[in-house]
Amino acid sequence: MVESKLMKRTASASLALAGALTTVIFTLSLHVARPSYMLYTGFTVSCIRSLIVMAIIFILTPVSAWMFDEPRLYALMPVLALAPALRGLMNPKMTLFARRLNFYPEAGIAILSRAITAVVALPFAIATESYWALILMTVISPALLTLMSYIYLPFLPRLSLNSWNVF
């Protein structure tokens, strides 16, 4: 009986401490100034990450084609590698909405881009009866997300690593 009360108190104290700590960290992060050079660094880091993922996919293309004994992967994987590269070019200013816990712009852009992707890819799939329609959807969706993020929130990113230590 005493152990269960002690466990309940410890658990509730831990939750209260974790909640308070999260609130303090979140509040402090909202008040930290985010100058544009930090957005430039975020964009650059995102581009570097995307290029690394794309390079890994390119490097693994011959290995995958050999392992699965599927020569069509030589054409398929490099095209699929465009999807993470395009996501890496997304507008870094969209993070400002996420910091304010306002996910409506990002959700709206995502829904609209997927709807447009379906409108483009479904007729292509019906006309060609090919698996390339799935590849088309995989690449068009991040391309539209990226394009719409810059239309919705204009921003001209630059390559810079001035504040790389923040990341």
Foldseek 3Di string as FASTA:
>chain_A
DVVVVVVVVVVVVVVVVVVVVVVVVLVVVVPDDDDVVNQLQQLQVLQVVLVVQLVVLLVCQVVVCVVVVPVCSNVQSNLLSLLSNLLSNARSCVVVCVSVVNCVVVVVQQVVLLVVLCVVLVVVCVVPVDPVSVSSSSNSRSNSSRVVRCVVPPDDHDHDNPPVVVD
